[in-house]
């Protein structure tokens, strides 16, 4: 019996790798992983697990069309922060004076369109296209927040797909992956820090009482994608392991470590001054948007995994905190 083909964009990234893991465990699938460099060790690790590696680039729609050909399922994802760190983008920012995040936004929008164009080229064989995205901040905030570009850029691909490819749209579901539980590792500002009195303080530029969908993306993205493959298309799924406020997070963190930990709202100016190139302003907009409007903008079309008629075992914030090594504790 011929196996169904799932093609995964970015198989060496957090989300793509999680999807590969999930479908390897399920069995019955031919897994095709897209990578720019099949020879690198992180790619070869997947080849050793039986994944077919295909060289393609999200900046090259033609290469994606070749890689997607004959797929039953496609998982598409773009990497804004990878674009920010790209030397070519940084050189362009330096030579033009444009903020690096604005350049990364333009790149991500085109990459999303390339993925959508390529997926449509094989729409006849497709059962499901799952596109990783995030909510349109400008839309749901009614223009209050305009710098959360790594959200808005991803949603542009959704709007493009819906406006351009009605047949593909009928086979598509969207996955909004929640706030990564691991984000603190990239920023000391988001880490509980020990105070002179022995307590710990967590400072983030947002409302401490607003619920935040948090996820261990490397563990759980694949579970959400697998669920979307096994239910009817047309879903807009918010993927998370715990829906928890920062005040609650601080309390749980402190309880697990046997210390007192409290949350305090950080002035957004601290972020704007600490992180140059427009990135601090972007991060501040993101956190304030989540606090004011919700991670998904309170979009009424959004569903949670408990709304799907399939079991989705998730990794909770409490499990993550217990299993992580935290500095200063």
C-alpha atoms as a PDB file:
ATOM      1  CA  UNK A   1       0.000   0.000   0.000  1.00  0.00           C
ATOM      2  CA  UNK A   2       1.359   3.415  -0.979  1.00  0.00           C
ATOM      3  CA  UNK A   3       1.995   5.650   1.998  1.00  0.00           C
ATOM      4  CA  UNK A   4       0.514   9.116   2.200  1.00  0.00           C
ATOM      5  CA  UNK A   5       3.075  11.910   1.911  1.00  0.00           C
ATOM      6  CA  UNK A   6       3.403  14.698   4.449  1.00  0.00           C
ATOM      7  CA  UNK A   7       5.807  17.447   3.435  1.00  0.00           C
ATOM      8  CA  UNK A   8       7.194  19.595   6.221  1.00  0.00           C
ATOM      9  CA  UNK A   9       8.688  23.039   5.723  1.00  0.00           C
ATOM     10  CA  UNK A  10      11.601  23.689   8.072  1.00  0.00           C
ATOM     11  CA  UNK A  11      12.042  20.147   9.341  1.00  0.00           C
ATOM     12  CA  UNK A  12      15.083  21.173  11.405  1.00  0.00           C
ATOM     13  CA  UNK A  13      13.217  23.979  13.203  1.00  0.00           C
ATOM     14  CA  UNK A  14      11.202  23.704  16.409  1.00  0.00           C
ATOM     15  CA  UNK A  15       7.783  23.482  14.792  1.00  0.00           C
ATOM     16  CA  UNK A  16       8.786  21.400  11.784  1.00  0.00           C
ATOM     17  CA  UNK A  17      10.770  18.933  13.879  1.00  0.00           C
ATOM     18  CA  UNK A  18       7.812  18.478  16.196  1.00  0.00           C
ATOM     19  CA  UNK A  19       5.574  17.708  13.220  1.00  0.00           C
ATOM     20  CA  UNK A  20       8.063  15.146  11.921  1.00  0.00           C
ATOM     21  CA  UNK A  21       8.200  13.463  15.323  1.00  0.00           C
ATOM     22  CA  UNK A  22       4.420  13.241  15.546  1.00  0.00           C
ATOM     23  CA  UNK A  23       3.977  11.595  12.153  1.00  0.00           C
ATOM     24  CA  UNK A  24       6.914   9.226  12.628  1.00  0.00           C
ATOM     25  CA  UNK A  25       5.226   8.024  15.816  1.00  0.00           C
ATOM     26  CA  UNK A  26       1.856   7.651  14.101  1.00  0.00           C
ATOM     27  CA  UNK A  27       3.274   5.501  11.299  1.00  0.00           C
ATOM     28  CA  UNK A  28       1.834   4.960   7.830  1.00  0.00           C
ATOM     29  CA  UNK A  29       3.315   8.160   6.434  1.00  0.00           C
ATOM     30  CA  UNK A  30       6.114   8.954   4.031  1.00  0.00           C
ATOM     31  CA  UNK A  31       7.699  12.005   5.612  1.00  0.00           C
ATOM     32  CA  UNK A  32       9.375  14.541   3.364  1.00  0.00           C
ATOM     33  CA  UNK A  33      11.418  17.201   5.114  1.00  0.00           C
ATOM     34  CA  UNK A  34      12.354  20.454   3.426  1.00  0.00           C
ATOM     35  CA  UNK A  35      15.714  21.980   4.257  1.00  0.00           C
ATOM     36  CA  UNK A  36      18.075  24.405   2.564  1.00  0.00           C
ATOM     37  CA  UNK A  37      21.027  22.136   3.307  1.00  0.00           C
ATOM     38  CA  UNK A  38      20.370  18.369   3.430  1.00  0.00           C
ATOM     39  CA  UNK A  39      24.035  17.710   4.219  1.00  0.00           C
ATOM     40  CA  UNK A  40      24.190  19.494   7.568  1.00  0.00           C
ATOM     41  CA  UNK A  41      24.121  17.315  10.711  1.00  0.00           C
ATOM     42  CA  UNK A  42      20.713  18.537  11.887  1.00  0.00           C
ATOM     43  CA  UNK A  43      19.252  17.471   8.527  1.00  0.00           C
ATOM     44  CA  UNK A  44      21.061  14.148   8.439  1.00  0.00           C
ATOM     45  CA  UNK A  45      19.635  13.313  11.857  1.00  0.00           C
ATOM     46  CA  UNK A  46      16.227  13.195  10.180  1.00  0.00           C
ATOM     47  CA  UNK A  47      17.504  11.123   7.274  1.00  0.00           C
ATOM     48  CA  UNK A  48      18.681   8.592   9.853  1.00  0.00           C
ATOM     49  CA  UNK A  49      15.071   8.375  11.063  1.00  0.00           C
ATOM     50  CA  UNK A  50      13.789   7.625   7.567  1.00  0.00           C
ATOM     51  CA  UNK A  51      12.759  11.132   6.546  1.00  0.00           C
ATOM     52  CA  UNK A  52      13.230  11.974   2.859  1.00  0.00           C
ATOM     53  CA  UNK A  53      15.217  15.187   2.715  1.00  0.00           C
ATOM     54  CA  UNK A  54      14.463  17.592  -0.123  1.00  0.00           C
ATOM     55  CA  UNK A  55      16.514  20.687  -0.792  1.00  0.00           C
ATOM     56  CA  UNK A  56      14.271  23.728  -1.141  1.00  0.00           C
ATOM     57  CA  UNK A  57      14.109  27.307   0.067  1.00  0.00           C
ATOM     58  CA  UNK A  58      11.097  29.363   1.153  1.00  0.00           C
ATOM     59  CA  UNK A  59      12.616  32.256  -0.806  1.00  0.00           C
ATOM     60  CA  UNK A  60      12.348  30.194  -4.006  1.00  0.00           C
ATOM     61  CA  UNK A  61       8.774  29.299  -4.975  1.00  0.00           C
ATOM     62  CA  UNK A  62       9.909  27.026  -7.817  1.00  0.00           C
ATOM     63  CA  UNK A  63      11.949  24.855  -5.453  1.00  0.00           C
ATOM     64  CA  UNK A  64       8.960  24.590  -3.122  1.00  0.00           C
ATOM     65  CA  UNK A  65       6.661  23.504  -5.945  1.00  0.00           C
ATOM     66  CA  UNK A  66       9.031  20.664  -6.778  1.00  0.00           C
ATOM     67  CA  UNK A  67       9.313  19.679  -3.119  1.00  0.00           C
ATOM     68  CA  UNK A  68       5.539  19.777  -2.540  1.00  0.00           C
ATOM     69  CA  UNK A  69       4.590  17.737  -5.632  1.00  0.00           C
ATOM     70  CA  UNK A  70       2.335  14.792  -4.820  1.00  0.00           C
ATOM     71  CA  UNK A  71       1.880  15.675  -1.152  1.00  0.00           C
ATOM     72  CA  UNK A  72      -1.163  14.513   0.790  1.00  0.00           C
ATOM     73  CA  UNK A  73      -0.463  16.942   3.633  1.00  0.00           C
ATOM     74  CA  UNK A  74       1.749  20.031   3.747  1.00  0.00           C
ATOM     75  CA  UNK A  75       2.854  21.855   6.874  1.00  0.00           C
ATOM     76  CA  UNK A  76       3.990  25.398   6.151  1.00  0.00           C
ATOM     77  CA  UNK A  77       5.837  27.750   8.485  1.00  0.00           C
ATOM     78  CA  UNK A  78       7.935  30.907   8.170  1.00  0.00           C
ATOM     79  CA  UNK A  79      10.666  32.161  10.496  1.00  0.00           C
ATOM     80  CA  UNK A  80      10.600  35.910  11.138  1.00  0.00           C
ATOM     81  CA  UNK A  81      13.406  35.771  13.692  1.00  0.00           C
ATOM     82  CA  UNK A  82      15.561  33.804  11.299  1.00  0.00           C
ATOM     83  CA  UNK A  83      15.064  36.640   8.837  1.00  0.00           C
ATOM     84  CA  UNK A  84      16.079  39.170  11.495  1.00  0.00           C
ATOM     85  CA  UNK A  85      19.364  37.351  12.101  1.00  0.00           C
ATOM     86  CA  UNK A  86      20.116  36.824   8.397  1.00  0.00           C
ATOM     87  CA  UNK A  87      23.371  38.622   7.467  1.00  0.00           C
ATOM     88  CA  UNK A  88      21.953  39.787   4.130  1.00  0.00           C
ATOM     89  CA  UNK A  89      18.983  41.412   5.865  1.00  0.00           C
ATOM     90  CA  UNK A  90      21.244  43.015   8.441  1.00  0.00           C
ATOM     91  CA  UNK A  91      23.477  44.418   5.717  1.00  0.00           C
ATOM     92  CA  UNK A  92      20.419  45.819   3.940  1.00  0.00           C
ATOM     93  CA  UNK A  93      19.224  47.438   7.158  1.00  0.00           C
ATOM     94  CA  UNK A  94      22.636  49.014   7.666  1.00  0.00           C
ATOM     95  CA  UNK A  95      22.858  50.333   4.106  1.00  0.00           C
ATOM     96  CA  UNK A  96      19.296  51.662   3.855  1.00  0.00           C
ATOM     97  CA  UNK A  97      18.622  52.776   7.407  1.00  0.00           C
ATOM     98  CA  UNK A  98      15.438  50.715   7.519  1.00  0.00           C
ATOM     99  CA  UNK A  99      14.701  48.853  10.763  1.00  0.00           C
ATOM    100  CA  UNK A 100      15.748  45.221  10.579  1.00  0.00           C
ATOM    101  CA  UNK A 101      12.293  44.051  11.647  1.00  0.00           C
ATOM    102  CA  UNK A 102      10.674  45.925   8.741  1.00  0.00           C
ATOM    103  CA  UNK A 103      12.997  44.117   6.341  1.00  0.00           C
ATOM    104  CA  UNK A 104      12.269  40.799   8.059  1.00  0.00           C
ATOM    105  CA  UNK A 105       8.534  41.509   7.724  1.00  0.00           C
ATOM    106  CA  UNK A 106       8.764  42.089   3.970  1.00  0.00           C
ATOM    107  CA  UNK A 107      10.778  38.897   3.597  1.00  0.00           C
ATOM    108  CA  UNK A 108       8.355  36.849   5.679  1.00  0.00           C
ATOM    109  CA  UNK A 109       5.346  38.098   3.716  1.00  0.00           C
ATOM    110  CA  UNK A 110       6.955  36.957   0.458  1.00  0.00           C
ATOM    111  CA  UNK A 111       8.011  33.643   1.971  1.00  0.00           C
ATOM    112  CA  UNK A 112       4.444  33.004   3.101  1.00  0.00           C
ATOM    113  CA  UNK A 113       3.151  33.733  -0.382  1.00  0.00           C
ATOM    114  CA  UNK A 114       5.745  31.402  -1.876  1.00  0.00           C
ATOM    115  CA  UNK A 115       4.593  28.572   0.386  1.00  0.00           C
ATOM    116  CA  UNK A 116       0.943  29.214  -0.464  1.00  0.00           C
ATOM    117  CA  UNK A 117       1.635  29.398  -4.214  1.00  0.00           C
ATOM    118  CA  UNK A 118       3.565  26.134  -4.087  1.00  0.00           C
ATOM    119  CA  UNK A 119       0.888  24.379  -2.035  1.00  0.00           C
ATOM    120  CA  UNK A 120      -1.753  25.400  -4.548  1.00  0.00           C
ATOM    121  CA  UNK A 121       0.331  23.922  -7.366  1.00  0.00           C
ATOM    122  CA  UNK A 122      -0.352  20.453  -5.932  1.00  0.00           C
ATOM    123  CA  UNK A 123      -3.867  21.127  -4.628  1.00  0.00           C
ATOM    124  CA  UNK A 124      -5.272  18.145  -6.560  1.00  0.00           C
ATOM    125  CA  UNK A 125      -3.313  15.651  -4.429  1.00  0.00           C
ATOM    126  CA  UNK A 126      -3.752  17.514  -1.147  1.00  0.00           C
ATOM    127  CA  UNK A 127      -6.045  16.430   1.639  1.00  0.00           C
ATOM    128  CA  UNK A 128      -4.827  19.086   4.049  1.00  0.00           C
ATOM    129  CA  UNK A 129      -2.661  22.179   4.138  1.00  0.00           C
ATOM    130  CA  UNK A 130      -1.775  23.308   7.666  1.00  0.00           C
ATOM    131  CA  UNK A 131      -0.263  26.777   7.817  1.00  0.00           C
ATOM    132  CA  UNK A 132       1.418  28.094  10.956  1.00  0.00           C
ATOM    133  CA  UNK A 133       0.369  31.688  11.518  1.00  0.00           C
ATOM    134  CA  UNK A 134      -0.339  34.329  14.164  1.00  0.00           C
ATOM    135  CA  UNK A 135      -3.157  36.807  14.665  1.00  0.00           C
ATOM    136  CA  UNK A 136      -3.303  40.136  12.778  1.00  0.00           C
ATOM    137  CA  UNK A 137      -2.406  42.637  15.476  1.00  0.00           C
ATOM    138  CA  UNK A 138      -3.241  45.804  13.546  1.00  0.00           C
ATOM    139  CA  UNK A 139      -6.701  44.443  12.720  1.00  0.00           C
ATOM    140  CA  UNK A 140      -7.759  43.226  16.148  1.00  0.00           C
ATOM    141  CA  UNK A 141      -6.239  46.190  18.003  1.00  0.00           C
ATOM    142  CA  UNK A 142      -7.921  48.571  15.538  1.00  0.00           C
ATOM    143  CA  UNK A 143      -4.592  50.184  14.772  1.00  0.00           C
ATOM    144  CA  UNK A 144      -3.448  50.634  18.374  1.00  0.00           C
ATOM    145  CA  UNK A 145      -0.458  48.341  17.881  1.00  0.00           C
ATOM    146  CA  UNK A 146       1.369  48.616  14.575  1.00  0.00           C
ATOM    147  CA  UNK A 147       4.839  47.240  15.316  1.00  0.00           C
ATOM    148  CA  UNK A 148       4.061  43.584  16.097  1.00  0.00           C
ATOM    149  CA  UNK A 149       5.377  42.612  12.694  1.00  0.00           C
ATOM    150  CA  UNK A 150       6.114  38.941  13.377  1.00  0.00           C
ATOM    151  CA  UNK A 151       2.392  38.462  13.986  1.00  0.00           C
ATOM    152  CA  UNK A 152       1.090  40.587  11.114  1.00  0.00           C
ATOM    153  CA  UNK A 153       3.531  39.170   8.565  1.00  0.00           C
ATOM    154  CA  UNK A 154       2.397  35.622   9.189  1.00  0.00           C
ATOM    155  CA  UNK A 155      -1.268  36.535   8.849  1.00  0.00           C
ATOM    156  CA  UNK A 156      -0.626  38.152   5.464  1.00  0.00           C
ATOM    157  CA  UNK A 157      -0.198  34.632   4.047  1.00  0.00           C
ATOM    158  CA  UNK A 158      -3.668  33.730   5.328  1.00  0.00           C
ATOM    159  CA  UNK A 159      -5.261  36.739   3.656  1.00  0.00           C
ATOM    160  CA  UNK A 160      -3.382  36.007   0.432  1.00  0.00           C
ATOM    161  CA  UNK A 161      -4.491  32.371   0.394  1.00  0.00           C
ATOM    162  CA  UNK A 162      -8.140  33.189   1.057  1.00  0.00           C
ATOM    163  CA  UNK A 163      -8.210  35.884  -1.621  1.00  0.00           C
ATOM    164  CA  UNK A 164      -6.315  33.941  -4.276  1.00  0.00           C
ATOM    165  CA  UNK A 165      -6.938  30.201  -4.012  1.00  0.00           C
ATOM    166  CA  UNK A 166     -10.500  29.190  -3.057  1.00  0.00           C
ATOM    167  CA  UNK A 167      -9.902  25.486  -3.761  1.00  0.00           C
ATOM    168  CA  UNK A 168      -6.833  25.423  -1.530  1.00  0.00           C
ATOM    169  CA  UNK A 169      -8.705  27.353   1.145  1.00  0.00           C
ATOM    170  CA  UNK A 170     -11.264  24.528   1.337  1.00  0.00           C
ATOM    171  CA  UNK A 171      -8.473  22.121   2.309  1.00  0.00           C
ATOM    172  CA  UNK A 172      -6.663  24.411   4.739  1.00  0.00           C
ATOM    173  CA  UNK A 173      -6.524  24.795   8.507  1.00  0.00           C
ATOM    174  CA  UNK A 174      -4.506  27.360  10.421  1.00  0.00           C
ATOM    175  CA  UNK A 175      -2.419  26.859  13.530  1.00  0.00           C
ATOM    176  CA  UNK A 176      -1.552  29.754  15.804  1.00  0.00           C
ATOM    177  CA  UNK A 177       1.253  28.413  17.978  1.00  0.00           C
ATOM    178  CA  UNK A 178       1.172  30.027  21.421  1.00  0.00           C
ATOM    179  CA  UNK A 179       3.900  31.910  23.241  1.00  0.00           C
ATOM    180  CA  UNK A 180       6.942  29.684  23.555  1.00  0.00           C
ATOM    181  CA  UNK A 181       7.645  28.594  27.127  1.00  0.00           C
ATOM    182  CA  UNK A 182      11.328  28.680  26.183  1.00  0.00           C
ATOM    183  CA  UNK A 183      11.384  32.370  25.175  1.00  0.00           C
ATOM    184  CA  UNK A 184      12.966  33.424  28.466  1.00  0.00           C
ATOM    185  CA  UNK A 185      16.214  31.759  27.358  1.00  0.00           C
ATOM    186  CA  UNK A 186      16.658  34.457  24.709  1.00  0.00           C
ATOM    187  CA  UNK A 187      16.049  37.369  27.079  1.00  0.00           C
ATOM    188  CA  UNK A 188      17.212  37.872  30.664  1.00  0.00           C
ATOM    189  CA  UNK A 189      14.448  40.477  30.947  1.00  0.00           C
ATOM    190  CA  UNK A 190      11.847  37.684  30.856  1.00  0.00           C
ATOM    191  CA  UNK A 191      13.517  35.528  33.513  1.00  0.00           C
ATOM    192  CA  UNK A 192      12.580  35.414  37.214  1.00  0.00           C
ATOM    193  CA  UNK A 193      15.489  37.151  38.962  1.00  0.00           C
ATOM    194  CA  UNK A 194      16.551  36.895  42.573  1.00  0.00           C
ATOM    195  CA  UNK A 195      16.113  40.027  44.676  1.00  0.00           C
ATOM    196  CA  UNK A 196      18.216  41.175  47.663  1.00  0.00           C
ATOM    197  CA  UNK A 197      15.569  39.870  50.075  1.00  0.00           C
ATOM    198  CA  UNK A 198      15.706  36.362  48.571  1.00  0.00           C
ATOM    199  CA  UNK A 199      12.424  36.576  46.672  1.00  0.00           C
ATOM    200  CA  UNK A 200      12.166  36.443  42.880  1.00  0.00           C
ATOM    201  CA  UNK A 201      10.722  39.002  40.487  1.00  0.00           C
ATOM    202  CA  UNK A 202       9.355  38.449  36.973  1.00  0.00           C
ATOM    203  CA  UNK A 203       9.018  41.663  34.967  1.00  0.00           C
ATOM    204  CA  UNK A 204       7.230  41.729  31.593  1.00  0.00           C
ATOM    205  CA  UNK A 205       5.621  44.648  29.740  1.00  0.00           C
ATOM    206  CA  UNK A 206       2.041  43.433  29.915  1.00  0.00           C
ATOM    207  CA  UNK A 207      -1.058  43.001  32.062  1.00  0.00           C
ATOM    208  CA  UNK A 208      -0.261  40.410  34.721  1.00  0.00           C
ATOM    209  CA  UNK A 209      -3.854  39.161  34.870  1.00  0.00           C
ATOM    210  CA  UNK A 210      -4.395  38.548  31.141  1.00  0.00           C
ATOM    211  CA  UNK A 211      -4.460  34.869  30.099  1.00  0.00           C
ATOM    212  CA  UNK A 212      -1.565  33.858  27.852  1.00  0.00           C
ATOM    213  CA  UNK A 213      -1.487  30.643  25.769  1.00  0.00           C
ATOM    214  CA  UNK A 214       1.909  29.081  26.462  1.00  0.00           C
ATOM    215  CA  UNK A 215       3.373  26.140  24.579  1.00  0.00           C
ATOM    216  CA  UNK A 216       6.447  23.962  24.424  1.00  0.00           C
ATOM    217  CA  UNK A 217       6.557  24.183  20.646  1.00  0.00           C
ATOM    218  CA  UNK A 218       9.170  21.491  20.102  1.00  0.00           C
ATOM    219  CA  UNK A 219       7.033  18.973  21.985  1.00  0.00           C
ATOM    220  CA  UNK A 220       3.488  19.918  21.023  1.00  0.00           C
ATOM    221  CA  UNK A 221       3.299  21.569  17.566  1.00  0.00           C
ATOM    222  CA  UNK A 222       3.186  18.169  15.884  1.00  0.00           C
ATOM    223  CA  UNK A 223       0.320  17.042  18.096  1.00  0.00           C
ATOM    224  CA  UNK A 224      -1.748  20.037  17.022  1.00  0.00           C
ATOM    225  CA  UNK A 225      -0.926  19.483  13.353  1.00  0.00           C
ATOM    226  CA  UNK A 226      -1.805  15.807  13.583  1.00  0.00           C
ATOM    227  CA  UNK A 227      -5.149  16.726  15.146  1.00  0.00           C
ATOM    228  CA  UNK A 228      -5.859  19.191  12.325  1.00  0.00           C
ATOM    229  CA  UNK A 229      -5.093  16.501   9.759  1.00  0.00           C
ATOM    230  CA  UNK A 230      -7.609  14.149  11.362  1.00  0.00           C
ATOM    231  CA  UNK A 231     -10.516  16.608  11.587  1.00  0.00           C
ATOM    232  CA  UNK A 232     -12.360  18.583   8.939  1.00  0.00           C
ATOM    233  CA  UNK A 233     -10.518  21.565   7.383  1.00  0.00           C
ATOM    234  CA  UNK A 234     -11.374  25.186   8.031  1.00  0.00           C
ATOM    235  CA  UNK A 235     -10.066  25.307  11.591  1.00  0.00           C
ATOM    236  CA  UNK A 236      -8.230  28.254  13.140  1.00  0.00           C
ATOM    237  CA  UNK A 237      -6.573  26.527  16.083  1.00  0.00           C
ATOM    238  CA  UNK A 238      -4.775  28.237  18.940  1.00  0.00           C
ATOM    239  CA  UNK A 239      -2.171  25.725  20.092  1.00  0.00           C
ATOM    240  CA  UNK A 240      -1.107  25.836  23.735  1.00  0.00           C
ATOM    241  CA  UNK A 241      -0.295  23.639  26.709  1.00  0.00           C
ATOM    242  CA  UNK A 242      -1.515  26.059  29.380  1.00  0.00           C
ATOM    243  CA  UNK A 243      -3.654  29.189  29.329  1.00  0.00           C
ATOM    244  CA  UNK A 244      -2.198  31.097  32.253  1.00  0.00           C
ATOM    245  CA  UNK A 245      -1.608  34.689  33.365  1.00  0.00           C
ATOM    246  CA  UNK A 246       1.826  35.994  34.295  1.00  0.00           C
ATOM    247  CA  UNK A 247       0.690  36.464  37.888  1.00  0.00           C
ATOM    248  CA  UNK A 248      -0.290  32.796  37.941  1.00  0.00           C
ATOM    249  CA  UNK A 249       2.941  31.791  36.211  1.00  0.00           C
ATOM    250  CA  UNK A 250       5.007  33.586  38.863  1.00  0.00           C
ATOM    251  CA  UNK A 251       3.040  31.928  41.661  1.00  0.00           C
ATOM    252  CA  UNK A 252       3.435  28.451  40.146  1.00  0.00           C
ATOM    253  CA  UNK A 253       7.130  29.036  39.473  1.00  0.00           C
ATOM    254  CA  UNK A 254       7.673  30.110  43.066  1.00  0.00           C
ATOM    255  CA  UNK A 255       5.698  27.209  44.515  1.00  0.00           C
ATOM    256  CA  UNK A 256       7.670  24.646  42.507  1.00  0.00           C
ATOM    257  CA  UNK A 257      10.984  26.115  43.666  1.00  0.00           C
ATOM    258  CA  UNK A 258       9.924  26.758  47.247  1.00  0.00           C
ATOM    259  CA  UNK A 259      10.399  30.516  46.980  1.00  0.00           C
ATOM    260  CA  UNK A 260       8.269  33.624  46.654  1.00  0.00           C
ATOM    261  CA  UNK A 261       8.004  34.883  43.082  1.00  0.00           C
ATOM    262  CA  UNK A 262       5.889  37.842  42.058  1.00  0.00           C
ATOM    263  CA  UNK A 263       5.086  39.553  38.784  1.00  0.00           C
ATOM    264  CA  UNK A 264       5.608  43.236  38.096  1.00  0.00           C
ATOM    265  CA  UNK A 265       4.673  45.095  34.945  1.00  0.00           C
ATOM    266  CA  UNK A 266       7.742  46.377  33.107  1.00  0.00           C
ATOM    267  CA  UNK A 267       7.705  49.810  31.482  1.00  0.00           C
ATOM    268  CA  UNK A 268       7.825  49.260  27.722  1.00  0.00           C
ATOM    269  CA  UNK A 269      10.519  51.935  27.465  1.00  0.00           C
ATOM    270  CA  UNK A 270      12.943  49.513  29.107  1.00  0.00           C
ATOM    271  CA  UNK A 271      12.488  47.119  26.173  1.00  0.00           C
ATOM    272  CA  UNK A 272      12.656  49.883  23.588  1.00  0.00           C
ATOM    273  CA  UNK A 273      15.964  51.123  25.000  1.00  0.00           C
ATOM    274  CA  UNK A 274      17.463  47.689  25.689  1.00  0.00           C
ATOM    275  CA  UNK A 275      16.829  46.125  22.274  1.00  0.00           C
ATOM    276  CA  UNK A 276      17.713  48.296  19.234  1.00  0.00           C
ATOM    277  CA  UNK A 277      16.625  48.217  15.610  1.00  0.00           C
ATOM    278  CA  UNK A 278      12.904  48.435  16.325  1.00  0.00           C
ATOM    279  CA  UNK A 279      12.912  45.013  17.993  1.00  0.00           C
ATOM    280  CA  UNK A 280      12.328  46.363  21.507  1.00  0.00           C
ATOM    281  CA  UNK A 281       9.338  48.340  20.274  1.00  0.00           C
ATOM    282  CA  UNK A 282       8.034  45.239  18.522  1.00  0.00           C
ATOM    283  CA  UNK A 283       8.340  43.036  21.614  1.00  0.00           C
ATOM    284  CA  UNK A 284       6.639  45.702  23.719  1.00  0.00           C
ATOM    285  CA  UNK A 285       3.781  45.949  21.219  1.00  0.00           C
ATOM    286  CA  UNK A 286       3.412  42.165  21.266  1.00  0.00           C
ATOM    287  CA  UNK A 287       3.140  41.918  25.034  1.00  0.00           C
ATOM    288  CA  UNK A 288       0.786  44.883  25.328  1.00  0.00           C
ATOM    289  CA  UNK A 289      -1.383  43.529  22.504  1.00  0.00           C
ATOM    290  CA  UNK A 290      -1.638  40.166  24.261  1.00  0.00           C
ATOM    291  CA  UNK A 291      -2.572  41.916  27.492  1.00  0.00           C
ATOM    292  CA  UNK A 292      -5.179  44.182  25.905  1.00  0.00           C
ATOM    293  CA  UNK A 293      -6.700  41.999  23.191  1.00  0.00           C
ATOM    294  CA  UNK A 294      -5.462  38.450  23.726  1.00  0.00           C
ATOM    295  CA  UNK A 295      -2.817  36.450  21.876  1.00  0.00           C
ATOM    296  CA  UNK A 296      -5.378  35.624  19.179  1.00  0.00           C
ATOM    297  CA  UNK A 297      -6.946  39.089  19.232  1.00  0.00           C
ATOM    298  CA  UNK A 298     -10.138  37.504  20.607  1.00  0.00           C
ATOM    299  CA  UNK A 299     -10.874  36.307  17.068  1.00  0.00           C
ATOM    300  CA  UNK A 300     -14.266  34.538  17.294  1.00  0.00           C
ATOM    301  CA  UNK A 301     -13.208  31.934  14.714  1.00  0.00           C
ATOM    302  CA  UNK A 302     -10.435  30.575  16.951  1.00  0.00           C
ATOM    303  CA  UNK A 303     -10.844  27.134  18.514  1.00  0.00           C
ATOM    304  CA  UNK A 304      -8.830  25.311  21.183  1.00  0.00           C
ATOM    305  CA  UNK A 305      -7.650  21.716  21.146  1.00  0.00           C
ATOM    306  CA  UNK A 306     -10.405  20.718  23.573  1.00  0.00           C
ATOM    307  CA  UNK A 307     -12.911  21.779  20.886  1.00  0.00           C
ATOM    308  CA  UNK A 308     -11.557  19.177  18.455  1.00  0.00           C
ATOM    309  CA  UNK A 309     -13.014  15.675  18.450  1.00  0.00           C
ATOM    310  CA  UNK A 310      -9.585  14.109  18.954  1.00  0.00           C
ATOM    311  CA  UNK A 311      -7.313  13.643  21.938  1.00  0.00           C
ATOM    312  CA  UNK A 312      -4.384  16.055  22.129  1.00  0.00           C
ATOM    313  CA  UNK A 313      -2.023  15.385  25.057  1.00  0.00           C
ATOM    314  CA  UNK A 314      -0.199  18.622  25.865  1.00  0.00           C
ATOM    315  CA  UNK A 315       2.783  19.650  27.976  1.00  0.00           C
ATOM    316  CA  UNK A 316       1.734  22.107  30.681  1.00  0.00           C
ATOM    317  CA  UNK A 317       3.543  25.095  32.149  1.00  0.00           C
ATOM    318  CA  UNK A 318       3.865  23.283  35.474  1.00  0.00           C
ATOM    319  CA  UNK A 319       5.524  20.302  33.793  1.00  0.00           C
ATOM    320  CA  UNK A 320       7.835  22.621  31.885  1.00  0.00           C
ATOM    321  CA  UNK A 321       8.913  24.589  34.956  1.00  0.00           C
ATOM    322  CA  UNK A 322       9.634  21.370  36.862  1.00  0.00           C
ATOM    323  CA  UNK A 323      11.693  19.935  34.013  1.00  0.00           C
ATOM    324  CA  UNK A 324      13.746  23.040  33.218  1.00  0.00           C
ATOM    325  CA  UNK A 325      17.013  24.232  34.749  1.00  0.00           C
ATOM    326  CA  UNK A 326      16.539  27.817  35.933  1.00  0.00           C
ATOM    327  CA  UNK A 327      19.374  30.200  36.801  1.00  0.00           C
ATOM    328  CA  UNK A 328      19.774  31.474  40.333  1.00  0.00           C
ATOM    329  CA  UNK A 329      17.466  28.975  42.028  1.00  0.00           C
END
